[in-house]
Structure formats: C-alpha cells, structure tokens
Amino acid sequence: MSDPRPAAERPYQTDEEWGRAVHARRTGVAAAFLAPQLHAGMQLIDCGCGPGSITVDLARAVAPGEAIGIDIRADALTHARTLARERGIANVAFQAASVYQLPYADGSFDAAFACAALQHLAAPVAALKEIRRVLRPGGVIGIVDGSSPITFRYPTSQLLEASDKLRVLQREHNTGRSSDALQLRALLREAGFARTRASG
C-alpha cells in the first residue's frame, strides 16, 4: 500500500517519554466536551491516537461498543496496546493507519475523535473528509487542536523566544504549509460537516 500522505508532509515525531506525559495529563479533560454525545454501544474511531490514553477513556464511554485508535507510529500503538491491557479495557483496538486513507467502509462509526492531530497535517481538510466518510449519517466528531503559533510566556527570555520561533518553522517544514492557526469551524464546513459547535 502506498503512503497516502501529501508529499510535503513529514510524520510528526516526539520524544516517547514526553509524548506519554503530555497525553496522560490531558486524558479525561481533552475529550470531556464530547462525553455528552457518547453513549453505550457506539462504534468510535480515534484518529491520531498516540499512546492511547484518551482512546481507552473513550472506550469506557461507549462500552459495550468498540473504540478503535489509529496512528501511523508503530511505537505509539505498542504503548497504546500495553496501556489497554494494563487497565483491563477489552473493547478497544489499535491499528496502524493513515487518517488520509482509513481502512474502514463508509459509515462504519457513530463517533470520531482527533486530538492534536490536524495541526500536524499538510491537508487537514482531506483528513476531515476521510473521517466524515467513515462516519454514519448523524455521526458526531470531536476535534481538539491547539494549532496557534502564538505562545504567551511571562517571564520570558531570548532563549525561550528563539525556541518558539523554531517550533513555528518546524511545523511549517513538517506540514509544508503556513503555521497559521487552523480555522477549525471553516475546515469542518469545507469537509462537509453541517453543524459545528465550539468550546474552549
């Protein structure tokens, strides 16, 4: 199978320990806004699931339905499977897949979730269209993304400011597009989602 990512896009990489720590801190909070839309028996896909800490919580919310986490990073999926085993979550599975080419039939899921994934993509609308394809009519999608290149710090230093500028350049290099903040509502509409609601 060929790589469906746009040619300019480079896979997002993080230090493993840092990534697990960040995901662990946002678990339970990151998807809290989606919880009222979830119910027992749903089929859910978590796109860009990383080490699975949010996915296993989503699996609990839809049990006895199933949650599937997808990511292109094999090491992240290994951690996700280990976490699910450690927590005794049986209704979750993890699969290596690209959000641009999901290996599922049209209308396979009732709900979809993506946390901090779109900001790392060269073609976020293409990814959203693919997520929409696998959602059933009336399905719900939850997006959490912090794509803004603006960082507020106090106190700051020249070193921290230089680091922030490098992060912006790195995102542009990895995605092949400007690092301007994503206009999520506009992207969702462009991808064909009819109703949107934002929170912060």
N, C-alpha and C. Protein backbone atom coordinates (compact mmCIF):
# COMPACT_ATOMS: atom_id res chain seq x y z
N MET A 1 0.85 -1.18 0.00
CA MET A 1 0.00 0.00 0.00
C MET A 1 0.89 1.24 0.00
N SER A 2 0.61 2.19 -0.87
CA SER A 2 1.43 3.39 -0.95
C SER A 2 1.05 4.35 0.17
N ASP A 3 1.97 5.25 0.49
CA ASP A 3 1.77 6.22 1.55
C ASP A 3 0.82 7.31 1.05
N PRO A 4 -0.37 7.46 1.67
CA PRO A 4 -1.34 8.42 1.18
C PRO A 4 -1.09 9.86 1.64
N ARG A 5 -0.07 10.07 2.46
CA ARG A 5 0.20 11.43 2.94
C ARG A 5 0.65 12.32 1.79
N PRO A 6 0.29 13.63 1.84
CA PRO A 6 0.81 14.55 0.83
C PRO A 6 2.33 14.54 0.82
N ALA A 7 2.92 14.75 -0.34
CA ALA A 7 4.38 14.66 -0.49
C ALA A 7 5.13 15.58 0.45
N ALA A 8 4.57 16.75 0.75
CA ALA A 8 5.27 17.73 1.58
C ALA A 8 5.23 17.38 3.07
N GLU A 9 4.36 16.47 3.45
CA GLU A 9 4.16 16.19 4.86
C GLU A 9 5.19 15.21 5.41
N ARG A 10 5.69 15.53 6.60
CA ARG A 10 6.62 14.64 7.29
C ARG A 10 5.95 14.18 8.58
N PRO A 11 6.09 12.91 8.96
CA PRO A 11 5.42 12.41 10.17
C PRO A 11 5.84 13.20 11.40
N TYR A 12 4.87 13.46 12.24
CA TYR A 12 5.12 14.15 13.50
C TYR A 12 5.86 13.21 14.44
N GLN A 13 6.94 13.68 15.00
CA GLN A 13 7.74 12.86 15.92
C GLN A 13 7.89 13.58 17.26
N THR A 14 7.84 12.83 18.32
CA THR A 14 8.09 13.38 19.65
C THR A 14 8.99 12.42 20.41
N ASP A 15 9.56 12.92 21.45
CA ASP A 15 10.26 12.07 22.40
C ASP A 15 9.20 11.20 23.08
N GLU A 16 9.42 9.89 23.17
CA GLU A 16 8.41 8.96 23.68
C GLU A 16 7.95 9.32 25.10
N GLU A 17 8.89 9.57 25.99
CA GLU A 17 8.53 9.87 27.38
C GLU A 17 7.73 11.16 27.46
N TRP A 18 8.18 12.19 26.71
CA TRP A 18 7.46 13.46 26.70
C TRP A 18 6.04 13.27 26.18
N GLY A 19 5.91 12.52 25.10
CA GLY A 19 4.60 12.28 24.50
C GLY A 19 3.64 11.59 25.45
N ARG A 20 4.12 10.56 26.15
CA ARG A 20 3.26 9.84 27.09
C ARG A 20 2.85 10.76 28.25
N ALA A 21 3.79 11.59 28.72
CA ALA A 21 3.48 12.50 29.83
C ALA A 21 2.42 13.52 29.42
N VAL A 22 2.55 14.07 28.23
CA VAL A 22 1.57 15.06 27.74
C VAL A 22 0.21 14.42 27.58
N HIS A 23 0.14 13.25 26.94
CA HIS A 23 -1.13 12.57 26.76
C HIS A 23 -1.77 12.22 28.09
N ALA A 24 -0.97 11.76 29.05
CA ALA A 24 -1.51 11.38 30.35
C ALA A 24 -2.15 12.58 31.06
N ARG A 25 -1.54 13.77 30.93
CA ARG A 25 -2.08 14.96 31.58
C ARG A 25 -3.40 15.39 30.96
N ARG A 26 -3.57 15.22 29.65
CA ARG A 26 -4.80 15.71 29.04
C ARG A 26 -5.90 14.65 28.96
N THR A 27 -5.61 13.43 29.35
CA THR A 27 -6.63 12.39 29.37
C THR A 27 -7.75 12.77 30.32
N GLY A 28 -8.97 12.52 29.89
CA GLY A 28 -10.13 12.85 30.72
C GLY A 28 -10.60 14.28 30.53
N VAL A 29 -9.69 15.18 30.26
CA VAL A 29 -10.04 16.58 30.03
C VAL A 29 -10.22 16.83 28.55
N ALA A 30 -9.35 16.28 27.74
CA ALA A 30 -9.35 16.57 26.31
C ALA A 30 -10.65 16.19 25.63
N ALA A 31 -11.26 15.12 26.04
CA ALA A 31 -12.48 14.66 25.38
C ALA A 31 -13.73 14.90 26.21
N ALA A 32 -13.62 15.65 27.30
CA ALA A 32 -14.77 15.87 28.19
C ALA A 32 -15.94 16.51 27.45
N PHE A 33 -15.67 17.41 26.52
CA PHE A 33 -16.74 18.08 25.78
C PHE A 33 -17.52 17.10 24.90
N LEU A 34 -16.88 15.99 24.51
CA LEU A 34 -17.53 15.01 23.64
C LEU A 34 -18.38 14.01 24.44
N ALA A 35 -18.07 13.85 25.71
CA ALA A 35 -18.72 12.84 26.54
C ALA A 35 -20.25 12.88 26.48
N PRO A 36 -20.90 14.05 26.52
CA PRO A 36 -22.37 14.05 26.47
C PRO A 36 -22.94 13.51 25.15
N GLN A 37 -22.12 13.46 24.12
CA GLN A 37 -22.58 12.95 22.81
C GLN A 37 -22.38 11.44 22.68
N LEU A 38 -21.66 10.84 23.62
CA LEU A 38 -21.34 9.42 23.54
C LEU A 38 -22.31 8.60 24.39
N HIS A 39 -22.59 7.39 23.94
CA HIS A 39 -23.43 6.51 24.74
C HIS A 39 -23.03 5.06 24.50
N ALA A 40 -23.50 4.21 25.37
CA ALA A 40 -23.17 2.79 25.31
C ALA A 40 -23.56 2.20 23.96
N GLY A 41 -22.67 1.38 23.44
CA GLY A 41 -22.94 0.66 22.20
C GLY A 41 -22.43 1.34 20.95
N MET A 42 -21.91 2.56 21.05
CA MET A 42 -21.39 3.27 19.87
C MET A 42 -20.10 2.63 19.37
N GLN A 43 -19.84 2.82 18.08
CA GLN A 43 -18.56 2.48 17.48
C GLN A 43 -17.82 3.80 17.28
N LEU A 44 -16.60 3.92 17.81
CA LEU A 44 -15.86 5.18 17.80
C LEU A 44 -14.48 4.97 17.22
N ILE A 45 -13.99 5.95 16.46
CA ILE A 45 -12.62 5.93 15.95
C ILE A 45 -11.88 7.15 16.49
N ASP A 46 -10.68 6.92 16.99
CA ASP A 46 -9.80 7.98 17.49
C ASP A 46 -8.65 8.10 16.49
N CYS A 47 -8.61 9.19 15.76
CA CYS A 47 -7.63 9.39 14.69
C CYS A 47 -6.40 10.13 15.21
N GLY A 48 -5.24 9.48 15.12
CA GLY A 48 -4.02 10.04 15.68
C GLY A 48 -4.00 9.80 17.17
N CYS A 49 -4.26 8.57 17.57
CA CYS A 49 -4.48 8.23 18.98
C CYS A 49 -3.22 8.28 19.85
N GLY A 50 -2.03 8.31 19.23
CA GLY A 50 -0.81 8.33 20.03
C GLY A 50 -0.76 7.14 20.97
N PRO A 51 -0.34 7.35 22.23
CA PRO A 51 -0.19 6.23 23.16
C PRO A 51 -1.49 5.72 23.76
N GLY A 52 -2.65 6.18 23.27
CA GLY A 52 -3.92 5.58 23.62
C GLY A 52 -4.56 5.99 24.92
N SER A 53 -3.97 6.94 25.64
CA SER A 53 -4.52 7.29 26.96
C SER A 53 -5.92 7.89 26.86
N ILE A 54 -6.19 8.65 25.82
CA ILE A 54 -7.54 9.20 25.63
C ILE A 54 -8.45 8.12 25.05
N THR A 55 -7.94 7.32 24.16
CA THR A 55 -8.73 6.28 23.50
C THR A 55 -9.33 5.30 24.50
N VAL A 56 -8.56 4.90 25.51
CA VAL A 56 -9.09 3.94 26.48
C VAL A 56 -10.22 4.55 27.30
N ASP A 57 -10.15 5.86 27.57
CA ASP A 57 -11.25 6.52 28.27
C ASP A 57 -12.48 6.60 27.38
N LEU A 58 -12.28 6.85 26.09
CA LEU A 58 -13.39 6.87 25.14
C LEU A 58 -14.02 5.49 25.03
N ALA A 59 -13.19 4.45 25.08
CA ALA A 59 -13.70 3.07 25.02
C ALA A 59 -14.62 2.79 26.20
N ARG A 60 -14.26 3.28 27.37
CA ARG A 60 -15.12 3.11 28.55
C ARG A 60 -16.48 3.77 28.32
N ALA A 61 -16.46 4.94 27.68
CA ALA A 61 -17.70 5.70 27.48
C ALA A 61 -18.65 5.03 26.51
N VAL A 62 -18.13 4.24 25.57
CA VAL A 62 -19.00 3.62 24.57
C VAL A 62 -19.24 2.12 24.82
N ALA A 63 -18.63 1.55 25.85
CA ALA A 63 -18.82 0.12 26.15
C ALA A 63 -20.30 -0.18 26.30
N PRO A 64 -20.76 -1.30 25.76
CA PRO A 64 -20.03 -2.40 25.15
C PRO A 64 -19.68 -2.19 23.68
N GLY A 65 -19.90 -0.98 23.17
CA GLY A 65 -19.43 -0.66 21.83
C GLY A 65 -17.91 -0.70 21.79
N GLU A 66 -17.33 -0.39 20.63
CA GLU A 66 -15.88 -0.51 20.48
C GLU A 66 -15.26 0.82 20.09
N ALA A 67 -14.08 1.07 20.60
CA ALA A 67 -13.26 2.21 20.19
C ALA A 67 -12.04 1.67 19.45
N ILE A 68 -11.72 2.30 18.34
CA ILE A 68 -10.53 1.93 17.58
C ILE A 68 -9.64 3.16 17.48
N GLY A 69 -8.39 2.99 17.86
CA GLY A 69 -7.42 4.07 17.75
C GLY A 69 -6.51 3.80 16.56
N ILE A 70 -6.31 4.82 15.73
CA ILE A 70 -5.38 4.66 14.61
C ILE A 70 -4.26 5.70 14.73
N ASP A 71 -3.09 5.30 14.30
CA ASP A 71 -1.92 6.18 14.28
C ASP A 71 -0.95 5.60 13.26
N ILE A 72 -0.08 6.44 12.71
CA ILE A 72 0.92 5.92 11.76
C ILE A 72 2.21 5.51 12.46
N ARG A 73 2.30 5.78 13.77
CA ARG A 73 3.53 5.48 14.50
C ARG A 73 3.40 4.17 15.26
N ALA A 74 4.14 3.16 14.84
CA ALA A 74 4.07 1.83 15.44
C ALA A 74 4.43 1.86 16.92
N ASP A 75 5.41 2.68 17.31
CA ASP A 75 5.82 2.73 18.72
C ASP A 75 4.69 3.25 19.60
N ALA A 76 3.94 4.25 19.11
CA ALA A 76 2.81 4.78 19.88
C ALA A 76 1.74 3.70 20.06
N LEU A 77 1.49 2.92 19.02
CA LEU A 77 0.48 1.87 19.09
C LEU A 77 0.88 0.76 20.06
N THR A 78 2.17 0.47 20.13
CA THR A 78 2.65 -0.51 21.10
C THR A 78 2.34 -0.06 22.51
N HIS A 79 2.59 1.23 22.81
CA HIS A 79 2.28 1.77 24.13
C HIS A 79 0.77 1.75 24.38
N ALA A 80 -0.01 2.06 23.35
CA ALA A 80 -1.48 2.07 23.50
C ALA A 80 -2.00 0.69 23.85
N ARG A 81 -1.52 -0.33 23.17
CA ARG A 81 -1.97 -1.71 23.45
C ARG A 81 -1.59 -2.13 24.87
N THR A 82 -0.38 -1.75 25.28
CA THR A 82 0.06 -2.07 26.64
C THR A 82 -0.82 -1.38 27.67
N LEU A 83 -1.14 -0.11 27.45
CA LEU A 83 -1.99 0.64 28.37
C LEU A 83 -3.37 0.00 28.48
N ALA A 84 -3.95 -0.39 27.35
CA ALA A 84 -5.28 -1.02 27.36
C ALA A 84 -5.25 -2.31 28.17
N ARG A 85 -4.19 -3.11 27.97
CA ARG A 85 -4.06 -4.36 28.75
C ARG A 85 -3.93 -4.06 30.24
N GLU A 86 -3.08 -3.09 30.58
CA GLU A 86 -2.86 -2.75 31.99
C GLU A 86 -4.14 -2.27 32.66
N ARG A 87 -4.98 -1.56 31.93
CA ARG A 87 -6.22 -1.03 32.50
C ARG A 87 -7.40 -1.99 32.34
N GLY A 88 -7.17 -3.11 31.68
CA GLY A 88 -8.23 -4.11 31.52
C GLY A 88 -9.35 -3.66 30.60
N ILE A 89 -9.04 -2.85 29.61
CA ILE A 89 -10.04 -2.35 28.66
C ILE A 89 -10.05 -3.31 27.47
N ALA A 90 -11.13 -4.06 27.32
CA ALA A 90 -11.21 -5.09 26.28
C ALA A 90 -11.91 -4.62 25.01
N ASN A 91 -12.63 -3.51 25.07
CA ASN A 91 -13.40 -3.06 23.90
C ASN A 91 -12.67 -1.98 23.11
N VAL A 92 -11.35 -2.08 23.07
CA VAL A 92 -10.54 -1.12 22.32
C VAL A 92 -9.53 -1.88 21.48
N ALA A 93 -9.28 -1.37 20.28
CA ALA A 93 -8.27 -1.96 19.39
C ALA A 93 -7.46 -0.82 18.80
N PHE A 94 -6.24 -1.13 18.42
CA PHE A 94 -5.35 -0.13 17.83
C PHE A 94 -4.80 -0.66 16.52
N GLN A 95 -4.76 0.21 15.52
CA GLN A 95 -4.33 -0.22 14.19
C GLN A 95 -3.47 0.87 13.55
N ALA A 96 -2.43 0.43 12.84
CA ALA A 96 -1.61 1.36 12.07
C ALA A 96 -2.38 1.76 10.82
N ALA A 97 -2.63 3.06 10.68
CA ALA A 97 -3.37 3.55 9.52
C ALA A 97 -3.15 5.05 9.39
N SER A 98 -3.33 5.54 8.18
CA SER A 98 -3.26 6.97 7.90
C SER A 98 -4.66 7.56 7.93
N VAL A 99 -4.79 8.72 8.52
CA VAL A 99 -6.07 9.41 8.55
C VAL A 99 -6.53 9.82 7.15
N TYR A 100 -5.61 9.83 6.20
CA TYR A 100 -5.97 10.15 4.81
C TYR A 100 -6.57 8.95 4.08
N GLN A 101 -6.39 7.75 4.64
CA GLN A 101 -6.86 6.54 3.97
C GLN A 101 -7.24 5.51 5.04
N LEU A 102 -8.39 5.72 5.66
CA LEU A 102 -8.82 4.85 6.75
C LEU A 102 -9.28 3.50 6.18
N PRO A 103 -8.83 2.40 6.77
CA PRO A 103 -9.14 1.07 6.24
C PRO A 103 -10.50 0.55 6.70
N TYR A 104 -11.52 1.39 6.61
CA TYR A 104 -12.86 1.03 7.05
C TYR A 104 -13.87 1.45 5.99
N ALA A 105 -14.98 0.72 5.95
CA ALA A 105 -16.04 1.01 4.98
C ALA A 105 -16.75 2.32 5.34
N ASP A 106 -17.41 2.89 4.36
CA ASP A 106 -18.23 4.07 4.58
C ASP A 106 -19.22 3.79 5.71
N GLY A 107 -19.43 4.78 6.56
CA GLY A 107 -20.44 4.66 7.61
C GLY A 107 -20.16 3.61 8.66
N SER A 108 -18.90 3.37 8.98
CA SER A 108 -18.55 2.33 9.96
C SER A 108 -18.66 2.78 11.41
N PHE A 109 -18.67 4.10 11.66
CA PHE A 109 -18.57 4.60 13.03
C PHE A 109 -19.68 5.60 13.36
N ASP A 110 -20.05 5.60 14.63
CA ASP A 110 -21.03 6.57 15.14
C ASP A 110 -20.36 7.86 15.59
N ALA A 111 -19.09 7.76 15.97
CA ALA A 111 -18.37 8.91 16.51
C ALA A 111 -16.91 8.84 16.11
N ALA A 112 -16.31 10.03 15.99
CA ALA A 112 -14.88 10.14 15.68
C ALA A 112 -14.27 11.20 16.58
N PHE A 113 -12.99 11.04 16.83
CA PHE A 113 -12.27 11.98 17.70
C PHE A 113 -10.87 12.16 17.15
N ALA A 114 -10.34 13.38 17.27
CA ALA A 114 -8.95 13.65 16.90
C ALA A 114 -8.42 14.73 17.83
N CYS A 115 -7.37 14.41 18.54
CA CYS A 115 -6.76 15.35 19.48
C CYS A 115 -5.34 15.68 19.02
N ALA A 116 -5.11 16.96 18.77
CA ALA A 116 -3.78 17.46 18.38
C ALA A 116 -3.22 16.71 17.18
N ALA A 117 -4.10 16.42 16.23
CA ALA A 117 -3.66 15.72 15.02
C ALA A 117 -3.67 16.64 13.80
N LEU A 118 -4.75 17.40 13.62
CA LEU A 118 -4.88 18.22 12.41
C LEU A 118 -3.75 19.23 12.26
N GLN A 119 -3.27 19.76 13.37
CA GLN A 119 -2.20 20.76 13.31
C GLN A 119 -0.92 20.22 12.68
N HIS A 120 -0.76 18.92 12.65
CA HIS A 120 0.45 18.31 12.11
C HIS A 120 0.27 17.82 10.67
N LEU A 121 -0.87 18.10 10.07
CA LEU A 121 -1.17 17.58 8.74
C LEU A 121 -1.01 18.66 7.67
N ALA A 122 -0.53 18.25 6.51
CA ALA A 122 -0.42 19.17 5.38
C ALA A 122 -1.78 19.45 4.76
N ALA A 123 -2.69 18.49 4.84
CA ALA A 123 -4.01 18.62 4.20
C ALA A 123 -5.11 18.27 5.20
N PRO A 124 -5.38 19.13 6.19
CA PRO A 124 -6.37 18.79 7.20
C PRO A 124 -7.78 18.58 6.64
N VAL A 125 -8.15 19.30 5.59
CA VAL A 125 -9.49 19.12 5.02
C VAL A 125 -9.62 17.72 4.41
N ALA A 126 -8.58 17.25 3.74
CA ALA A 126 -8.61 15.89 3.17
C ALA A 126 -8.79 14.86 4.28
N ALA A 127 -8.12 15.07 5.41
CA ALA A 127 -8.26 14.15 6.55
C ALA A 127 -9.68 14.20 7.10
N LEU A 128 -10.24 15.39 7.24
CA LEU A 128 -11.60 15.51 7.75
C LEU A 128 -12.61 14.88 6.81
N LYS A 129 -12.41 15.01 5.51
CA LYS A 129 -13.31 14.37 4.55
C LYS A 129 -13.26 12.85 4.68
N GLU A 130 -12.07 12.33 4.93
CA GLU A 130 -11.93 10.87 5.11
C GLU A 130 -12.59 10.42 6.41
N ILE A 131 -12.45 11.20 7.46
CA ILE A 131 -13.13 10.88 8.72
C ILE A 131 -14.65 10.92 8.51
N ARG A 132 -15.12 11.93 7.79
CA ARG A 132 -16.56 12.04 7.52
C ARG A 132 -17.06 10.83 6.73
N ARG A 133 -16.24 10.34 5.82
CA ARG A 133 -16.63 9.18 5.01
C ARG A 133 -16.95 7.97 5.88
N VAL A 134 -16.15 7.75 6.94
CA VAL A 134 -16.36 6.55 7.77
C VAL A 134 -17.40 6.76 8.86
N LEU A 135 -17.92 7.99 9.00
CA LEU A 135 -18.99 8.24 9.96
C LEU A 135 -20.35 7.92 9.36
N ARG A 136 -21.24 7.39 10.19
CA ARG A 136 -22.61 7.13 9.76
C ARG A 136 -23.36 8.46 9.66
N PRO A 137 -24.42 8.53 8.88
CA PRO A 137 -25.25 9.75 8.87
C PRO A 137 -25.69 10.09 10.30
N GLY A 138 -25.53 11.33 10.68
CA GLY A 138 -25.86 11.76 12.04
C GLY A 138 -24.74 11.51 13.03
N GLY A 139 -23.60 11.01 12.56
CA GLY A 139 -22.46 10.76 13.44
C GLY A 139 -21.89 12.06 13.99
N VAL A 140 -21.10 11.94 15.03
CA VAL A 140 -20.53 13.11 15.70
C VAL A 140 -19.01 13.03 15.65
N ILE A 141 -18.38 14.20 15.51
CA ILE A 141 -16.92 14.27 15.53
C ILE A 141 -16.49 15.28 16.59
N GLY A 142 -15.45 14.93 17.33
CA GLY A 142 -14.87 15.84 18.32
C GLY A 142 -13.43 16.13 17.93
N ILE A 143 -13.11 17.41 17.84
CA ILE A 143 -11.75 17.83 17.45
C ILE A 143 -11.18 18.70 18.56
N VAL A 144 -9.98 18.36 19.00
CA VAL A 144 -9.22 19.20 19.93
C VAL A 144 -7.92 19.53 19.22
N ASP A 145 -7.66 20.81 19.04
CA ASP A 145 -6.44 21.18 18.33
C ASP A 145 -5.95 22.52 18.82
N GLY A 146 -4.68 22.61 19.06
CA GLY A 146 -4.05 23.84 19.52
C GLY A 146 -3.02 24.30 18.51
N SER A 147 -3.50 24.71 17.35
CA SER A 147 -2.57 24.98 16.25
C SER A 147 -2.00 26.38 16.24
N SER A 148 -2.39 27.23 17.15
CA SER A 148 -1.93 28.62 17.11
C SER A 148 -0.41 28.70 17.29
N PRO A 149 0.24 29.50 16.43
CA PRO A 149 1.69 29.67 16.57
C PRO A 149 2.07 30.66 17.68
N ILE A 150 1.08 31.24 18.33
CA ILE A 150 1.33 32.25 19.36
C ILE A 150 1.51 31.57 20.71
N THR A 151 2.56 31.95 21.41
CA THR A 151 2.82 31.43 22.75
C THR A 151 2.93 32.62 23.70
N PHE A 152 2.22 32.56 24.82
CA PHE A 152 2.31 33.61 25.83
C PHE A 152 3.13 33.08 27.00
N ARG A 153 4.17 33.82 27.36
CA ARG A 153 5.01 33.43 28.49
C ARG A 153 5.35 34.67 29.32
N TYR A 154 5.39 34.46 30.61
CA TYR A 154 5.90 35.50 31.48
C TYR A 154 6.49 34.84 32.70
N PRO A 155 7.68 35.10 33.08
CA PRO A 155 8.64 35.92 32.31
C PRO A 155 9.17 35.12 31.12
N THR A 156 9.74 35.80 30.20
CA THR A 156 10.29 35.15 29.03
C THR A 156 11.79 35.43 28.95
N SER A 157 12.42 34.85 27.96
CA SER A 157 13.84 35.08 27.75
C SER A 157 14.12 34.97 26.26
N GLN A 158 15.26 35.42 25.85
CA GLN A 158 15.62 35.32 24.43
C GLN A 158 15.67 33.86 23.99
N LEU A 159 16.14 32.99 24.87
CA LEU A 159 16.24 31.56 24.53
C LEU A 159 14.84 30.95 24.31
N LEU A 160 13.89 31.27 25.19
CA LEU A 160 12.54 30.75 25.02
C LEU A 160 11.89 31.31 23.75
N GLU A 161 12.10 32.59 23.47
CA GLU A 161 11.54 33.19 22.26
C GLU A 161 12.14 32.57 21.01
N ALA A 162 13.44 32.28 21.04
CA ALA A 162 14.08 31.63 19.90
C ALA A 162 13.53 30.21 19.72
N SER A 163 13.29 29.52 20.83
CA SER A 163 12.72 28.17 20.77
C SER A 163 11.32 28.20 20.15
N ASP A 164 10.51 29.18 20.54
CA ASP A 164 9.16 29.31 19.97
C ASP A 164 9.21 29.54 18.46
N LYS A 165 10.13 30.37 18.01
CA LYS A 165 10.27 30.64 16.58
C LYS A 165 10.70 29.38 15.83
N LEU A 166 11.57 28.60 16.44
CA LEU A 166 12.00 27.34 15.81
C LEU A 166 10.84 26.34 15.71
N ARG A 167 9.97 26.31 16.73
CA ARG A 167 8.82 25.41 16.67
C ARG A 167 7.88 25.77 15.52
N VAL A 168 7.69 27.07 15.29
CA VAL A 168 6.85 27.52 14.18
C VAL A 168 7.47 27.08 12.86
N LEU A 169 8.78 27.27 12.73
CA LEU A 169 9.47 26.86 11.50
C LEU A 169 9.42 25.34 11.32
N GLN A 170 9.54 24.60 12.41
CA GLN A 170 9.48 23.14 12.34
C GLN A 170 8.11 22.68 11.84
N ARG A 171 7.03 23.29 12.35
CA ARG A 171 5.69 22.91 11.91
C ARG A 171 5.53 23.19 10.41
N GLU A 172 6.01 24.35 9.96
CA GLU A 172 5.92 24.67 8.53
C GLU A 172 6.71 23.67 7.70
N HIS A 173 7.89 23.28 8.20
CA HIS A 173 8.72 22.29 7.49
C HIS A 173 8.03 20.94 7.44
N ASN A 174 7.44 20.51 8.57
CA ASN A 174 6.82 19.18 8.64
C ASN A 174 5.53 19.07 7.85
N THR A 175 4.76 20.17 7.77
CA THR A 175 3.47 20.09 7.10
C THR A 175 3.50 20.63 5.67
N GLY A 176 4.49 21.45 5.35
CA GLY A 176 4.53 22.05 4.02
C GLY A 176 3.52 23.16 3.84
N ARG A 177 2.98 23.70 4.94
CA ARG A 177 2.03 24.80 4.86
C ARG A 177 2.34 25.82 5.94
N SER A 178 1.74 26.97 5.84
CA SER A 178 1.93 28.03 6.83
C SER A 178 1.52 27.52 8.20
N SER A 179 2.15 28.03 9.23
CA SER A 179 1.81 27.59 10.59
C SER A 179 0.74 28.48 11.21
N ASP A 180 -0.03 29.17 10.39
CA ASP A 180 -1.15 29.97 10.92
C ASP A 180 -2.11 29.06 11.68
N ALA A 181 -2.81 29.63 12.64
CA ALA A 181 -3.78 28.85 13.41
C ALA A 181 -4.85 28.29 12.48
N LEU A 182 -5.22 27.03 12.69
CA LEU A 182 -6.27 26.42 11.89
C LEU A 182 -7.62 27.02 12.27
N GLN A 183 -8.40 27.33 11.28
CA GLN A 183 -9.77 27.80 11.47
C GLN A 183 -10.67 26.56 11.44
N LEU A 184 -10.79 25.90 12.58
CA LEU A 184 -11.43 24.59 12.64
C LEU A 184 -12.86 24.59 12.12
N ARG A 185 -13.65 25.59 12.47
CA ARG A 185 -15.05 25.61 12.01
C ARG A 185 -15.09 25.67 10.49
N ALA A 186 -14.26 26.51 9.88
CA ALA A 186 -14.23 26.62 8.42
C ALA A 186 -13.76 25.31 7.78
N LEU A 187 -12.76 24.66 8.39
CA LEU A 187 -12.27 23.38 7.86
C LEU A 187 -13.35 22.31 7.92
N LEU A 188 -14.09 22.26 9.03
CA LEU A 188 -15.16 21.28 9.17
C LEU A 188 -16.25 21.51 8.13
N ARG A 189 -16.61 22.75 7.91
CA ARG A 189 -17.63 23.05 6.89
C ARG A 189 -17.14 22.66 5.51
N GLU A 190 -15.87 22.99 5.21
CA GLU A 190 -15.31 22.63 3.91
C GLU A 190 -15.30 21.12 3.70
N ALA A 191 -15.14 20.38 4.78
CA ALA A 191 -15.12 18.91 4.69
C ALA A 191 -16.53 18.32 4.63
N GLY A 192 -17.56 19.16 4.75
CA GLY A 192 -18.92 18.68 4.61
C GLY A 192 -19.70 18.48 5.89
N PHE A 193 -19.15 18.88 7.03
CA PHE A 193 -19.89 18.76 8.29
C PHE A 193 -20.89 19.91 8.37
N ALA A 194 -22.14 19.58 8.66
CA ALA A 194 -23.21 20.56 8.57
C ALA A 194 -23.31 21.48 9.80
N ARG A 195 -23.17 20.93 10.99
CA ARG A 195 -23.34 21.72 12.21
C ARG A 195 -22.07 21.66 13.03
N THR A 196 -21.64 22.80 13.54
CA THR A 196 -20.45 22.84 14.39
C THR A 196 -20.76 23.61 15.66
N ARG A 197 -20.05 23.24 16.70
CA ARG A 197 -20.16 23.94 17.98
C ARG A 197 -18.77 23.99 18.58
N ALA A 198 -18.38 25.14 19.10
CA ALA A 198 -17.03 25.31 19.64
C ALA A 198 -17.09 25.53 21.15
N SER A 199 -16.01 25.14 21.81
CA SER A 199 -15.85 25.44 23.23
C SER A 199 -14.37 25.67 23.49
N GLY A 200 -14.06 26.22 24.64
CA GLY A 200 -12.67 26.50 24.93
C GLY A 200 -12.39 26.36 26.39
